[in-house]
């Protein structure tokens, strides 16, 4: 299958803040398992139910243990068993954070090349 994505996808860990941006009420957090992440968005799964079209805050932990605080708009959702799988796009992400994700991609690629050469 031909890859049509603009940017490579990477796996990360993180948490999502379960309070719609601009919404009332107390914010709660839920762990998310990030399946893929690029400079444009991410795909993740969680047991929490989110709403397509809503914007949420999230904290993404890079391999360096650096945490990026981002805003995500949910654009797709599917339920698989007891888990929800979501796709989201980053909104208002500064170029400096996009560059951090790109650096993460570059380092991961180099590490994979070194493993293959060994």
PDB file of N, CA and C in Angstrom:
ATOM      1  N   UNK A   1       0.840  -1.177   0.000  1.00  0.00           N
ATOM      2  CA  UNK A   1       0.000   0.000   0.000  1.00  0.00           C
ATOM      3  C   UNK A   1       0.887   1.244   0.000  1.00  0.00           C
ATOM      4  N   UNK A   2       0.522   2.198  -0.810  1.00  0.00           N
ATOM      5  CA  UNK A   2       1.299   3.430  -0.918  1.00  0.00           C
ATOM      6  C   UNK A   2       1.011   4.346   0.269  1.00  0.00           C
ATOM      7  N   UNK A   3       2.077   4.863   0.871  1.00  0.00           N
ATOM      8  CA  UNK A   3       1.949   5.795   2.003  1.00  0.00           C
ATOM      9  C   UNK A   3       1.537   7.163   1.479  1.00  0.00           C
ATOM     10  N   UNK A   4       0.411   7.692   1.983  1.00  0.00           N
ATOM     11  CA  UNK A   4      -0.093   8.982   1.516  1.00  0.00           C
ATOM     12  C   UNK A   4       0.022  10.062   2.576  1.00  0.00           C
ATOM     13  N   UNK A   5       0.504   9.728   3.744  1.00  0.00           N
ATOM     14  CA  UNK A   5       0.634  10.714   4.808  1.00  0.00           C
ATOM     15  C   UNK A   5       1.784  11.661   4.519  1.00  0.00           C
ATOM     16  N   UNK A   6       1.610  12.917   4.915  1.00  0.00           N
ATOM     17  CA  UNK A   6       2.648  13.922   4.686  1.00  0.00           C
ATOM     18  C   UNK A   6       3.853  13.704   5.589  1.00  0.00           C
ATOM     19  N   UNK A   7       3.613  13.262   6.821  1.00  0.00           N
ATOM     20  CA  UNK A   7       4.678  13.124   7.808  1.00  0.00           C
ATOM     21  C   UNK A   7       4.609  11.742   8.444  1.00  0.00           C
ATOM     22  N   UNK A   8       5.769  11.225   8.835  1.00  0.00           N
ATOM     23  CA  UNK A   8       5.837   9.912   9.486  1.00  0.00           C
ATOM     24  C   UNK A   8       5.116   9.921  10.823  1.00  0.00           C
ATOM     25  N   UNK A   9       4.624   8.753  11.225  1.00  0.00           N
ATOM     26  CA  UNK A   9       3.912   8.613  12.482  1.00  0.00           C
ATOM     27  C   UNK A   9       4.822   7.975  13.517  1.00  0.00           C
ATOM     28  N   UNK A  10       4.736   8.425  14.764  1.00  0.00           N
ATOM     29  CA  UNK A  10       5.561   7.923  15.848  1.00  0.00           C
ATOM     30  C   UNK A  10       4.695   7.563  17.038  1.00  0.00           C
ATOM     31  N   UNK A  11       5.162   6.602  17.846  1.00  0.00           N
ATOM     32  CA  UNK A  11       4.443   6.210  19.048  1.00  0.00           C
ATOM     33  C   UNK A  11       4.971   6.987  20.232  1.00  0.00           C
ATOM     34  N   UNK A  12       4.052   7.479  21.073  1.00  0.00           N
ATOM     35  CA  UNK A  12       4.393   8.223  22.273  1.00  0.00           C
ATOM     36  C   UNK A  12       3.438   7.814  23.379  1.00  0.00           C
ATOM     37  N   UNK A  13       3.659   8.340  24.575  1.00  0.00           N
ATOM     38  CA  UNK A  13       2.710   8.156  25.659  1.00  0.00           C
ATOM     39  C   UNK A  13       2.153   9.510  26.036  1.00  0.00           C
ATOM     40  N   UNK A  14       1.057   9.495  26.773  1.00  0.00           N
ATOM     41  CA  UNK A  14       0.497  10.775  27.176  1.00  0.00           C
ATOM     42  C   UNK A  14      -0.776  10.643  27.971  1.00  0.00           C
ATOM     43  N   UNK A  15      -1.383  11.788  28.200  1.00  0.00           N
ATOM     44  CA  UNK A  15      -2.664  11.847  28.892  1.00  0.00           C
ATOM     45  C   UNK A  15      -3.495  12.938  28.243  1.00  0.00           C
ATOM     46  N   UNK A  16      -4.813  12.782  28.335  1.00  0.00           N
ATOM     47  CA  UNK A  16      -5.704  13.795  27.795  1.00  0.00           C
ATOM     48  C   UNK A  16      -6.510  14.376  28.937  1.00  0.00           C
ATOM     49  N   UNK A  17      -6.765  15.659  28.862  1.00  0.00           N
ATOM     50  CA  UNK A  17      -7.532  16.348  29.898  1.00  0.00           C
ATOM     51  C   UNK A  17      -8.984  16.345  29.457  1.00  0.00           C
ATOM     52  N   UNK A  18      -9.820  15.691  30.251  1.00  0.00           N
ATOM     53  CA  UNK A  18     -11.209  15.467  29.877  1.00  0.00           C
ATOM     54  C   UNK A  18     -12.099  16.636  30.267  1.00  0.00           C
ATOM     55  N   UNK A  19     -11.845  17.727  29.608  1.00  0.00           N
ATOM     56  CA  UNK A  19     -12.689  18.905  29.782  1.00  0.00           C
ATOM     57  C   UNK A  19     -12.659  19.625  28.454  1.00  0.00           C
ATOM     58  N   UNK A  20     -13.813  19.733  27.838  1.00  0.00           N
ATOM     59  CA  UNK A  20     -13.887  20.420  26.559  1.00  0.00           C
ATOM     60  C   UNK A  20     -13.377  21.841  26.745  1.00  0.00           C
ATOM     61  N   UNK A  21     -12.550  22.317  25.813  1.00  0.00           N
ATOM     62  CA  UNK A  21     -12.033  23.669  25.916  1.00  0.00           C
ATOM     63  C   UNK A  21     -13.192  24.659  25.986  1.00  0.00           C
ATOM     64  N   UNK A  22     -13.131  25.527  26.961  1.00  0.00           N
ATOM     65  CA  UNK A  22     -14.194  26.506  27.142  1.00  0.00           C
ATOM     66  C   UNK A  22     -15.387  25.962  27.903  1.00  0.00           C
ATOM     67  N   UNK A  23     -15.340  24.685  28.284  1.00  0.00           N
ATOM     68  CA  UNK A  23     -16.457  24.070  28.984  1.00  0.00           C
ATOM     69  C   UNK A  23     -16.404  24.324  30.481  1.00  0.00           C
ATOM     70  N   UNK A  24     -17.536  24.106  31.138  1.00  0.00           N
ATOM     71  CA  UNK A  24     -17.619  24.258  32.586  1.00  0.00           C
ATOM     72  C   UNK A  24     -17.297  22.928  33.258  1.00  0.00           C
ATOM     73  N   UNK A  25     -17.067  22.970  34.538  1.00  0.00           N
ATOM     74  CA  UNK A  25     -16.830  21.753  35.298  1.00  0.00           C
ATOM     75  C   UNK A  25     -15.369  21.526  35.571  1.00  0.00           C
ATOM     76  N   UNK A  26     -15.145  20.525  36.393  1.00  0.00           N
ATOM     77  CA  UNK A  26     -13.782  20.194  36.809  1.00  0.00           C
ATOM     78  C   UNK A  26     -13.099  19.311  35.769  1.00  0.00           C
ATOM     79  N   UNK A  27     -11.853  19.590  35.508  1.00  0.00           N
ATOM     80  CA  UNK A  27     -11.084  18.813  34.534  1.00  0.00           C
ATOM     81  C   UNK A  27     -10.593  17.521  35.170  1.00  0.00           C
ATOM     82  N   UNK A  28     -10.691  16.436  34.417  1.00  0.00           N
ATOM     83  CA  UNK A  28     -10.148  15.147  34.828  1.00  0.00           C
ATOM     84  C   UNK A  28      -9.177  14.716  33.740  1.00  0.00           C
ATOM     85  N   UNK A  29      -8.289  13.797  34.087  1.00  0.00           N
ATOM     86  CA  UNK A  29      -7.346  13.302  33.085  1.00  0.00           C
ATOM     87  C   UNK A  29      -7.571  11.812  32.861  1.00  0.00           C
ATOM     88  N   UNK A  30      -7.200  11.366  31.673  1.00  0.00           N
ATOM     89  CA  UNK A  30      -7.259   9.945  31.330  1.00  0.00           C
ATOM     90  C   UNK A  30      -6.000   9.606  30.549  1.00  0.00           C
ATOM     91  N   UNK A  31      -5.457   8.440  30.792  1.00  0.00           N
ATOM     92  CA  UNK A  31      -4.277   7.991  30.059  1.00  0.00           C
ATOM     93  C   UNK A  31      -4.670   7.674  28.625  1.00  0.00           C
ATOM     94  N   UNK A  32      -3.787   7.998  27.708  1.00  0.00           N
ATOM     95  CA  UNK A  32      -4.002   7.661  26.308  1.00  0.00           C
ATOM     96  C   UNK A  32      -2.809   6.876  25.807  1.00  0.00           C
ATOM     97  N   UNK A  33      -3.085   5.944  24.934  1.00  0.00           N
ATOM     98  CA  UNK A  33      -2.030   5.196  24.259  1.00  0.00           C
ATOM     99  C   UNK A  33      -1.943   5.748  22.849  1.00  0.00           C
ATOM    100  N   UNK A  34      -0.858   6.421  22.552  1.00  0.00           N
ATOM    101  CA  UNK A  34      -0.700   7.084  21.266  1.00  0.00           C
ATOM    102  C   UNK A  34      -0.097   6.092  20.279  1.00  0.00           C
ATOM    103  N   UNK A  35      -0.862   5.784  19.244  1.00  0.00           N
ATOM    104  CA  UNK A  35      -0.417   4.822  18.236  1.00  0.00           C
ATOM    105  C   UNK A  35       0.472   5.468  17.198  1.00  0.00           C
ATOM    106  N   UNK A  36       0.130   6.683  16.835  1.00  0.00           N
ATOM    107  CA  UNK A  36       0.961   7.399  15.878  1.00  0.00           C
ATOM    108  C   UNK A  36       0.851   8.892  16.121  1.00  0.00           C
ATOM    109  N   UNK A  37       1.932   9.564  15.812  1.00  0.00           N
ATOM    110  CA  UNK A  37       1.991  11.001  16.038  1.00  0.00           C
ATOM    111  C   UNK A  37       2.878  11.611  14.967  1.00  0.00           C
ATOM    112  N   UNK A  38       2.429  12.699  14.411  1.00  0.00           N
ATOM    113  CA  UNK A  38       3.241  13.449  13.456  1.00  0.00           C
ATOM    114  C   UNK A  38       3.135  14.910  13.830  1.00  0.00           C
ATOM    115  N   UNK A  39       3.766  15.745  13.061  1.00  0.00           N
ATOM    116  CA  UNK A  39       3.702  17.176  13.364  1.00  0.00           C
ATOM    117  C   UNK A  39       2.316  17.749  13.123  1.00  0.00           C
ATOM    118  N   UNK A  40       1.426  17.010  12.434  1.00  0.00           N
ATOM    119  CA  UNK A  40       0.082  17.501  12.150  1.00  0.00           C
ATOM    120  C   UNK A  40      -0.985  16.989  13.109  1.00  0.00           C
ATOM    121  N   UNK A  41      -0.780  15.812  13.688  1.00  0.00           N
ATOM    122  CA  UNK A  41      -1.817  15.252  14.549  1.00  0.00           C
ATOM    123  C   UNK A  41      -1.410  13.928  15.156  1.00  0.00           C
ATOM    124  N   UNK A  42      -2.390  13.233  15.736  1.00  0.00           N
ATOM    125  CA  UNK A  42      -2.094  11.971  16.386  1.00  0.00           C
ATOM    126  C   UNK A  42      -3.290  11.039  16.344  1.00  0.00           C
ATOM    127  N   UNK A  43      -2.990   9.762  16.489  1.00  0.00           N
ATOM    128  CA  UNK A  43      -3.990   8.720  16.645  1.00  0.00           C
ATOM    129  C   UNK A  43      -3.754   8.073  17.987  1.00  0.00           C
ATOM    130  N   UNK A  44      -4.822   7.882  18.761  1.00  0.00           N
ATOM    131  CA  UNK A  44      -4.650   7.327  20.098  1.00  0.00           C
ATOM    132  C   UNK A  44      -5.880   6.554  20.526  1.00  0.00           C
ATOM    133  N   UNK A  45      -5.722   5.767  21.578  1.00  0.00           N
ATOM    134  CA  UNK A  45      -6.853   5.040  22.141  1.00  0.00           C
ATOM    135  C   UNK A  45      -6.919   5.310  23.636  1.00  0.00           C
ATOM    136  N   UNK A  46      -8.128   5.248  24.166  1.00  0.00           N
ATOM    137  CA  UNK A  46      -8.375   5.484  25.583  1.00  0.00           C
ATOM    138  C   UNK A  46      -9.720   4.875  25.950  1.00  0.00           C
ATOM    139  N   UNK A  47      -9.946   4.696  27.222  1.00  0.00           N
ATOM    140  CA  UNK A  47     -11.242   4.205  27.674  1.00  0.00           C
ATOM    141  C   UNK A  47     -12.250   5.337  27.829  1.00  0.00           C
ATOM    142  N   UNK A  48     -11.781   6.584  27.748  1.00  0.00           N
ATOM    143  CA  UNK A  48     -12.651   7.747  27.893  1.00  0.00           C
ATOM    144  C   UNK A  48     -13.384   8.027  26.585  1.00  0.00           C
ATOM    145  N   UNK A  49     -14.636   8.450  26.710  1.00  0.00           N
ATOM    146  CA  UNK A  49     -15.409   8.793  25.524  1.00  0.00           C
ATOM    147  C   UNK A  49     -15.299  10.290  25.249  1.00  0.00           C
ATOM    148  N   UNK A  50     -14.868  10.625  24.039  1.00  0.00           N
ATOM    149  CA  UNK A  50     -14.703  12.008  23.610  1.00  0.00           C
ATOM    150  C   UNK A  50     -15.685  12.293  22.479  1.00  0.00           C
ATOM    151  N   UNK A  51     -15.824  13.551  22.125  1.00  0.00           N
ATOM    152  CA  UNK A  51     -16.780  13.956  21.103  1.00  0.00           C
ATOM    153  C   UNK A  51     -16.056  14.463  19.862  1.00  0.00           C
ATOM    154  N   UNK A  52     -16.443  13.929  18.701  1.00  0.00           N
ATOM    155  CA  UNK A  52     -15.871  14.388  17.436  1.00  0.00           C
ATOM    156  C   UNK A  52     -16.176  15.868  17.263  1.00  0.00           C
ATOM    157  N   UNK A  53     -15.168  16.626  16.859  1.00  0.00           N
ATOM    158  CA  UNK A  53     -15.320  18.063  16.640  1.00  0.00           C
ATOM    159  C   UNK A  53     -14.924  18.906  17.837  1.00  0.00           C
ATOM    160  N   UNK A  54     -14.876  18.311  19.019  1.00  0.00           N
ATOM    161  CA  UNK A  54     -14.475  19.061  20.218  1.00  0.00           C
ATOM    162  C   UNK A  54     -12.961  19.156  20.313  1.00  0.00           C
ATOM    163  N   UNK A  55     -12.507  20.183  21.017  1.00  0.00           N
ATOM    164  CA  UNK A  55     -11.083  20.413  21.238  1.00  0.00           C
ATOM    165  C   UNK A  55     -10.733  20.051  22.674  1.00  0.00           C
ATOM    166  N   UNK A  56      -9.613  19.366  22.852  1.00  0.00           N
ATOM    167  CA  UNK A  56      -9.157  18.933  24.168  1.00  0.00           C
ATOM    168  C   UNK A  56      -7.696  19.293  24.356  1.00  0.00           C
ATOM    169  N   UNK A  57      -7.291  19.411  25.609  1.00  0.00           N
ATOM    170  CA  UNK A  57      -5.876  19.576  25.943  1.00  0.00           C
ATOM    171  C   UNK A  57      -5.275  18.194  26.135  1.00  0.00           C
ATOM    172  N   UNK A  58      -3.992  18.065  25.845  1.00  0.00           N
ATOM    173  CA  UNK A  58      -3.301  16.800  26.065  1.00  0.00           C
ATOM    174  C   UNK A  58      -1.847  17.084  26.397  1.00  0.00           C
ATOM    175  N   UNK A  59      -1.246  16.143  27.108  1.00  0.00           N
ATOM    176  CA  UNK A  59       0.179  16.190  27.422  1.00  0.00           C
ATOM    177  C   UNK A  59       0.828  14.981  26.771  1.00  0.00           C
ATOM    178  N   UNK A  60       1.775  15.213  25.881  1.00  0.00           N
ATOM    179  CA  UNK A  60       2.483  14.147  25.182  1.00  0.00           C
ATOM    180  C   UNK A  60       3.890  14.043  25.738  1.00  0.00           C
ATOM    181  N   UNK A  61       4.299  12.836  26.087  1.00  0.00           N
ATOM    182  CA  UNK A  61       5.634  12.620  26.633  1.00  0.00           C
ATOM    183  C   UNK A  61       6.533  12.057  25.547  1.00  0.00           C
ATOM    184  N   UNK A  62       7.567  12.806  25.185  1.00  0.00           N
ATOM    185  CA  UNK A  62       8.536  12.367  24.187  1.00  0.00           C
ATOM    186  C   UNK A  62       9.532  11.402  24.819  1.00  0.00           C
ATOM    187  N   UNK A  63      10.358  10.781  23.993  1.00  0.00           N
ATOM    188  CA  UNK A  63      11.338   9.811  24.482  1.00  0.00           C
ATOM    189  C   UNK A  63      12.340  10.432  25.426  1.00  0.00           C
ATOM    190  N   UNK A  64      12.537  11.739  25.350  1.00  0.00           N
ATOM    191  CA  UNK A  64      13.466  12.424  26.242  1.00  0.00           C
ATOM    192  C   UNK A  64      12.816  12.741  27.590  1.00  0.00           C
ATOM    193  N   UNK A  65      11.582  12.318  27.753  1.00  0.00           N
ATOM    194  CA  UNK A  65      10.743  12.588  28.933  1.00  0.00           C
ATOM    195  C   UNK A  65      10.250  14.033  28.946  1.00  0.00           C
ATOM    196  N   UNK A  66      10.491  14.751  27.869  1.00  0.00           N
ATOM    197  CA  UNK A  66       9.966  16.103  27.720  1.00  0.00           C
ATOM    198  C   UNK A  66       8.466  16.000  27.442  1.00  0.00           C
ATOM    199  N   UNK A  67       7.688  16.853  28.069  1.00  0.00           N
ATOM    200  CA  UNK A  67       6.232  16.831  27.910  1.00  0.00           C
ATOM    201  C   UNK A  67       5.796  18.031  27.080  1.00  0.00           C
ATOM    202  N   UNK A  68       5.066  17.749  26.009  1.00  0.00           N
ATOM    203  CA  UNK A  68       4.495  18.806  25.181  1.00  0.00           C
ATOM    204  C   UNK A  68       3.035  18.989  25.562  1.00  0.00           C
ATOM    205  N   UNK A  69       2.663  20.208  25.874  1.00  0.00           N
ATOM    206  CA  UNK A  69       1.266  20.538  26.172  1.00  0.00           C
ATOM    207  C   UNK A  69       0.642  20.995  24.861  1.00  0.00           C
ATOM    208  N   UNK A  70      -0.361  20.237  24.375  1.00  0.00           N
ATOM    209  CA  UNK A  70      -0.937  20.508  23.060  1.00  0.00           C
ATOM    210  C   UNK A  70      -2.456  20.595  23.141  1.00  0.00           C
ATOM    211  N   UNK A  71      -3.037  21.111  22.082  1.00  0.00           N
ATOM    212  CA  UNK A  71      -4.486  21.148  21.930  1.00  0.00           C
ATOM    213  C   UNK A  71      -4.832  20.306  20.710  1.00  0.00           C
ATOM    214  N   UNK A  72      -5.840  19.445  20.858  1.00  0.00           N
ATOM    215  CA  UNK A  72      -6.194  18.478  19.829  1.00  0.00           C
ATOM    216  C   UNK A  72      -7.675  18.600  19.504  1.00  0.00           C
ATOM    217  N   UNK A  73      -7.993  18.625  18.213  1.00  0.00           N
ATOM    218  CA  UNK A  73      -9.384  18.563  17.783  1.00  0.00           C
ATOM    219  C   UNK A  73      -9.646  17.148  17.299  1.00  0.00           C
ATOM    220  N   UNK A  74     -10.663  16.496  17.853  1.00  0.00           N
ATOM    221  CA  UNK A  74     -11.003  15.124  17.488  1.00  0.00           C
ATOM    222  C   UNK A  74     -11.688  15.141  16.122  1.00  0.00           C
ATOM    223  N   UNK A  75     -11.140  14.359  15.158  1.00  0.00           N
ATOM    224  CA  UNK A  75     -11.705  14.339  13.811  1.00  0.00           C
ATOM    225  C   UNK A  75     -12.272  12.976  13.418  1.00  0.00           C
ATOM    226  N   UNK A  76     -11.917  11.930  14.143  1.00  0.00           N
ATOM    227  CA  UNK A  76     -12.500  10.611  13.870  1.00  0.00           C
ATOM    228  C   UNK A  76     -12.516   9.795  15.145  1.00  0.00           C
ATOM    229  N   UNK A  77     -13.452   8.841  15.204  1.00  0.00           N
ATOM    230  CA  UNK A  77     -13.572   7.993  16.382  1.00  0.00           C
ATOM    231  C   UNK A  77     -14.136   6.637  15.979  1.00  0.00           C
ATOM    232  N   UNK A  78     -13.720   5.616  16.716  1.00  0.00           N
ATOM    233  CA  UNK A  78     -14.243   4.263  16.532  1.00  0.00           C
ATOM    234  C   UNK A  78     -14.141   3.545  17.868  1.00  0.00           C
ATOM    235  N   UNK A  79     -15.112   2.681  18.137  1.00  0.00           N
ATOM    236  CA  UNK A  79     -15.077   1.894  19.372  1.00  0.00           C
ATOM    237  C   UNK A  79     -14.701   0.470  19.023  1.00  0.00           C
ATOM    238  N   UNK A  80     -13.664  -0.021  19.700  1.00  0.00           N
ATOM    239  CA  UNK A  80     -13.200  -1.388  19.508  1.00  0.00           C
ATOM    240  C   UNK A  80     -13.229  -2.059  20.873  1.00  0.00           C
ATOM    241  N   UNK A  81     -14.215  -2.899  21.105  1.00  0.00           N
ATOM    242  CA  UNK A  81     -14.385  -3.504  22.425  1.00  0.00           C
ATOM    243  C   UNK A  81     -14.743  -2.439  23.442  1.00  0.00           C
ATOM    244  N   UNK A  82     -13.965  -2.359  24.528  1.00  0.00           N
ATOM    245  CA  UNK A  82     -14.199  -1.363  25.569  1.00  0.00           C
ATOM    246  C   UNK A  82     -13.347  -0.107  25.384  1.00  0.00           C
ATOM    247  N   UNK A  83     -12.610  -0.046  24.285  1.00  0.00           N
ATOM    248  CA  UNK A  83     -11.672   1.051  24.061  1.00  0.00           C
ATOM    249  C   UNK A  83     -12.131   1.892  22.874  1.00  0.00           C
ATOM    250  N   UNK A  84     -11.942   3.201  23.002  1.00  0.00           N
ATOM    251  CA  UNK A  84     -12.237   4.122  21.911  1.00  0.00           C
ATOM    252  C   UNK A  84     -10.935   4.482  21.207  1.00  0.00           C
ATOM    253  N   UNK A  85     -10.958   4.479  19.882  1.00  0.00           N
ATOM    254  CA  UNK A  85      -9.802   4.896  19.102  1.00  0.00           C
ATOM    255  C   UNK A  85     -10.145   6.212  18.420  1.00  0.00           C
ATOM    256  N   UNK A  86      -9.231   7.181  18.535  1.00  0.00           N
ATOM    257  CA  UNK A  86      -9.472   8.525  18.036  1.00  0.00           C
ATOM    258  C   UNK A  86      -8.355   8.986  17.122  1.00  0.00           C
ATOM    259  N   UNK A  87      -8.708   9.898  16.251  1.00  0.00           N
ATOM    260  CA  UNK A  87      -7.742  10.617  15.441  1.00  0.00           C
ATOM    261  C   UNK A  87      -7.978  12.092  15.688  1.00  0.00           C
ATOM    262  N   UNK A  88      -6.903  12.833  15.829  1.00  0.00           N
ATOM    263  CA  UNK A  88      -7.041  14.257  16.095  1.00  0.00           C
ATOM    264  C   UNK A  88      -5.971  15.059  15.390  1.00  0.00           C
ATOM    265  N   UNK A  89      -6.279  16.323  15.160  1.00  0.00           N
ATOM    266  CA  UNK A  89      -5.302  17.234  14.574  1.00  0.00           C
ATOM    267  C   UNK A  89      -4.899  18.252  15.630  1.00  0.00           C
ATOM    268  N   UNK A  90      -3.639  18.654  15.578  1.00  0.00           N
ATOM    269  CA  UNK A  90      -3.162  19.675  16.503  1.00  0.00           C
ATOM    270  C   UNK A  90      -3.703  21.030  16.065  1.00  0.00           C
ATOM    271  N   UNK A  91      -4.101  21.826  17.030  1.00  0.00           N
ATOM    272  CA  UNK A  91      -4.548  23.180  16.720  1.00  0.00           C
ATOM    273  C   UNK A  91      -3.678  24.165  17.495  1.00  0.00           C
ATOM    274  N   UNK A  92      -3.225  25.173  16.789  1.00  0.00           N
ATOM    275  CA  UNK A  92      -2.420  26.217  17.415  1.00  0.00           C
ATOM    276  C   UNK A  92      -1.081  25.762  17.944  1.00  0.00           C
ATOM    277  N   UNK A  93      -0.525  24.707  17.383  1.00  0.00           N
ATOM    278  CA  UNK A  93       0.765  24.206  17.871  1.00  0.00           C
ATOM    279  C   UNK A  93       1.894  25.104  17.371  1.00  0.00           C
ATOM    280  N   UNK A  94       2.734  25.590  18.281  1.00  0.00           N
ATOM    281  CA  UNK A  94       3.863  26.429  17.856  1.00  0.00           C
ATOM    282  C   UNK A  94       4.868  25.640  17.017  1.00  0.00           C
ATOM    283  N   UNK A  95       5.547  26.336  16.127  1.00  0.00           N
ATOM    284  CA  UNK A  95       6.553  25.687  15.289  1.00  0.00           C
ATOM    285  C   UNK A  95       7.640  25.018  16.114  1.00  0.00           C
ATOM    286  N   UNK A  96       7.954  25.571  17.286  1.00  0.00           N
ATOM    287  CA  UNK A  96       9.001  24.974  18.122  1.00  0.00           C
ATOM    288  C   UNK A  96       8.596  23.566  18.584  1.00  0.00           C
ATOM    289  N   UNK A  97       7.319  23.358  18.892  1.00  0.00           N
ATOM    290  CA  UNK A  97       6.861  22.025  19.291  1.00  0.00           C
ATOM    291  C   UNK A  97       6.827  21.076  18.101  1.00  0.00           C
ATOM    292  N   UNK A  98       6.455  21.591  16.926  1.00  0.00           N
ATOM    293  CA  UNK A  98       6.486  20.763  15.721  1.00  0.00           C
ATOM    294  C   UNK A  98       7.916  20.295  15.443  1.00  0.00           C
ATOM    295  N   UNK A  99       8.877  21.192  15.668  1.00  0.00           N
ATOM    296  CA  UNK A  99      10.279  20.833  15.458  1.00  0.00           C
ATOM    297  C   UNK A  99      10.727  19.762  16.450  1.00  0.00           C
ATOM    298  N   UNK A 100      10.221  19.811  17.680  1.00  0.00           N
ATOM    299  CA  UNK A 100      10.586  18.780  18.663  1.00  0.00           C
ATOM    300  C   UNK A 100      10.136  17.408  18.173  1.00  0.00           C
ATOM    301  N   UNK A 101       8.945  17.337  17.597  1.00  0.00           N
ATOM    302  CA  UNK A 101       8.457  16.065  17.068  1.00  0.00           C
ATOM    303  C   UNK A 101       9.326  15.622  15.898  1.00  0.00           C
ATOM    304  N   UNK A 102       9.739  16.552  15.043  1.00  0.00           N
ATOM    305  CA  UNK A 102      10.614  16.208  13.928  1.00  0.00           C
ATOM    306  C   UNK A 102      11.969  15.704  14.406  1.00  0.00           C
ATOM    307  N   UNK A 103      12.523  16.324  15.450  1.00  0.00           N
ATOM    308  CA  UNK A 103      13.794  15.861  16.012  1.00  0.00           C
ATOM    309  C   UNK A 103      13.626  14.448  16.548  1.00  0.00           C
ATOM    310  N   UNK A 104      12.519  14.199  17.220  1.00  0.00           N
ATOM    311  CA  UNK A 104      12.213  12.860  17.738  1.00  0.00           C
ATOM    312  C   UNK A 104      12.197  11.857  16.587  1.00  0.00           C
ATOM    313  N   UNK A 105      11.561  12.224  15.465  1.00  0.00           N
ATOM    314  CA  UNK A 105      11.512  11.342  14.301  1.00  0.00           C
ATOM    315  C   UNK A 105      12.912  11.034  13.788  1.00  0.00           C
ATOM    316  N   UNK A 106      13.747  12.055  13.668  1.00  0.00           N
ATOM    317  CA  UNK A 106      15.100  11.900  13.140  1.00  0.00           C
ATOM    318  C   UNK A 106      15.935  10.979  14.026  1.00  0.00           C
ATOM    319  N   UNK A 107      15.883  11.196  15.319  1.00  0.00           N
ATOM    320  CA  UNK A 107      16.657  10.366  16.252  1.00  0.00           C
ATOM    321  C   UNK A 107      16.176   8.921  16.202  1.00  0.00           C
ATOM    322  N   UNK A 108      14.866   8.715  16.168  1.00  0.00           N
ATOM    323  CA  UNK A 108      14.329   7.354  16.115  1.00  0.00           C
ATOM    324  C   UNK A 108      14.763   6.651  14.831  1.00  0.00           C
ATOM    325  N   UNK A 109      14.741   7.358  13.704  1.00  0.00           N
ATOM    326  CA  UNK A 109      15.186   6.781  12.439  1.00  0.00           C
ATOM    327  C   UNK A 109      16.646   6.378  12.499  1.00  0.00           C
ATOM    328  N   UNK A 110      17.494   7.230  13.075  1.00  0.00           N
ATOM    329  CA  UNK A 110      18.914   6.915  13.172  1.00  0.00           C
ATOM    330  C   UNK A 110      19.167   5.711  14.070  1.00  0.00           C
ATOM    331  N   UNK A 111      18.408   5.613  15.164  1.00  0.00           N
ATOM    332  CA  UNK A 111      18.564   4.459  16.048  1.00  0.00           C
ATOM    333  C   UNK A 111      18.168   3.162  15.346  1.00  0.00           C
ATOM    334  N   UNK A 112      17.098   3.204  14.546  1.00  0.00           N
ATOM    335  CA  UNK A 112      16.683   2.022  13.800  1.00  0.00           C
ATOM    336  C   UNK A 112      17.731   1.621  12.776  1.00  0.00           C
ATOM    337  N   UNK A 113      18.346   2.599  12.115  1.00  0.00           N
ATOM    338  CA  UNK A 113      19.402   2.303  11.138  1.00  0.00           C
ATOM    339  C   UNK A 113      20.606   1.655  11.822  1.00  0.00           C
ATOM    340  N   UNK A 114      20.963   2.138  13.001  1.00  0.00           N
ATOM    341  CA  UNK A 114      22.082   1.566  13.733  1.00  0.00           C
ATOM    342  C   UNK A 114      21.785   0.122  14.134  1.00  0.00           C
ATOM    343  N   UNK A 115      20.545  -0.155  14.532  1.00  0.00           N
ATOM    344  CA  UNK A 115      20.165  -1.530  14.896  1.00  0.00           C
ATOM    345  C   UNK A 115      20.248  -2.456  13.695  1.00  0.00           C
ATOM    346  N   UNK A 116      19.820  -1.967  12.526  1.00  0.00           N
ATOM    347  CA  UNK A 116      19.858  -2.784  11.330  1.00  0.00           C
ATOM    348  C   UNK A 116      21.282  -3.049  10.867  1.00  0.00           C
ATOM    349  N   UNK A 117      22.177  -2.080  11.088  1.00  0.00           N
ATOM    350  CA  UNK A 117      23.573  -2.239  10.690  1.00  0.00           C
ATOM    351  C   UNK A 117      24.328  -3.179  11.635  1.00  0.00           C
ATOM    352  N   UNK A 118      23.811  -3.363  12.828  1.00  0.00           N
ATOM    353  CA  UNK A 118      24.506  -4.214  13.815  1.00  0.00           C
ATOM    354  C   UNK A 118      24.336  -5.673  13.521  1.00  0.00           C
TER     355      UNK A 118
END
